[in-house]
Amino acid sequence: MRCDDHAPKGVKFWVFDLTWLVLPLAFAFVFDGLYRKFAPHIYDMDVDLLAYEAVLFVLVVSFTLLARKTVVGGWRLPQKSSWIWVAGPLWLAVLGPLGMAIEAISAAPEKLIVWGAISLFVAVNEETLFRGFILRGMMRSFKPMTAVIISSLAFGLLHILNLFEGGDPVTVGAQIISAMGVGAVFAAVTLRSGSIVPGVILHFLGDVIGLAALGGYGEAIQSTDPALAASLVVTGLVFMAWGLFWSWRTVRADKIVL
């Protein structure tokens, strides 16, 4: 295993060790609050989200360039190719709604620019924060599986912010469970590849196809379709089981390449 020291350091370091989790989440929630307070409201929810993620992108990239490898790592080419099959069910999730996405894009091709830009910014922002900062950072202080579980739970809980955009509580709750599962798979992919780049690619593809298939951000979070919510919960649980299993296998086989 090629990884920074990830062994537990004892309870006296507990508060310090949790800064790998607390600081990124605090940053995300503070940024969200400040943006909502000072940024002008844009009626089109897709354009509003695009502006939000673009500002966050500038901050995240600036911080990454300043911090370099001392805090955030993973911006390198994948060290192994096994992440391709470790991603497993995520490929099905990406390809499943592809037909609906193509149909929506054919009807409104100009939307692809907005959805593509949103998806790119979201992928870079969230993978840098959750797999680049939280997962890799917590592995310096906690056991790998603890870091995987906590980073996945935190990734899911971030989607609570969709409630502030008028999201349906049931749908948002299902999205949280789904995101936790997706986060577990992304964590397994990151452990196997030694890079957050595969996660960024998968995240981008999943978001752009999902946004197109559902008709945009507003429609996705405000949907009251029980079938959609049920599907998100079921797939989220499957993703969670898959991601945790392959993370565990990766740790046990000493194949972590971070």
Foldseek 3Di string as FASTA:
>chain_A
DDAAAQAADDPVCVVVLCCLPVVLLVVLVVLVVVCVVPPDDDPPVLVRLLVSLVVLLVVLVVVCVVCPPVAFDFADFFPDDPLVCLLPCLVCLLPVLQVLLVVLCVVPVVVLVSQLSSQLSCLVNLLRSLVGRQLRSNSNHHPNLVSLQVSLLSQLVSLVVLVVVVFDPLLSVLSSLLSSLSSLSLNLSCQQGVHSVVSSVSSSSSRSSVQSNQVHDVSNRHPPDVVNSVVSNVNSVVSNVSSSVSSVVCVVVVNGDD
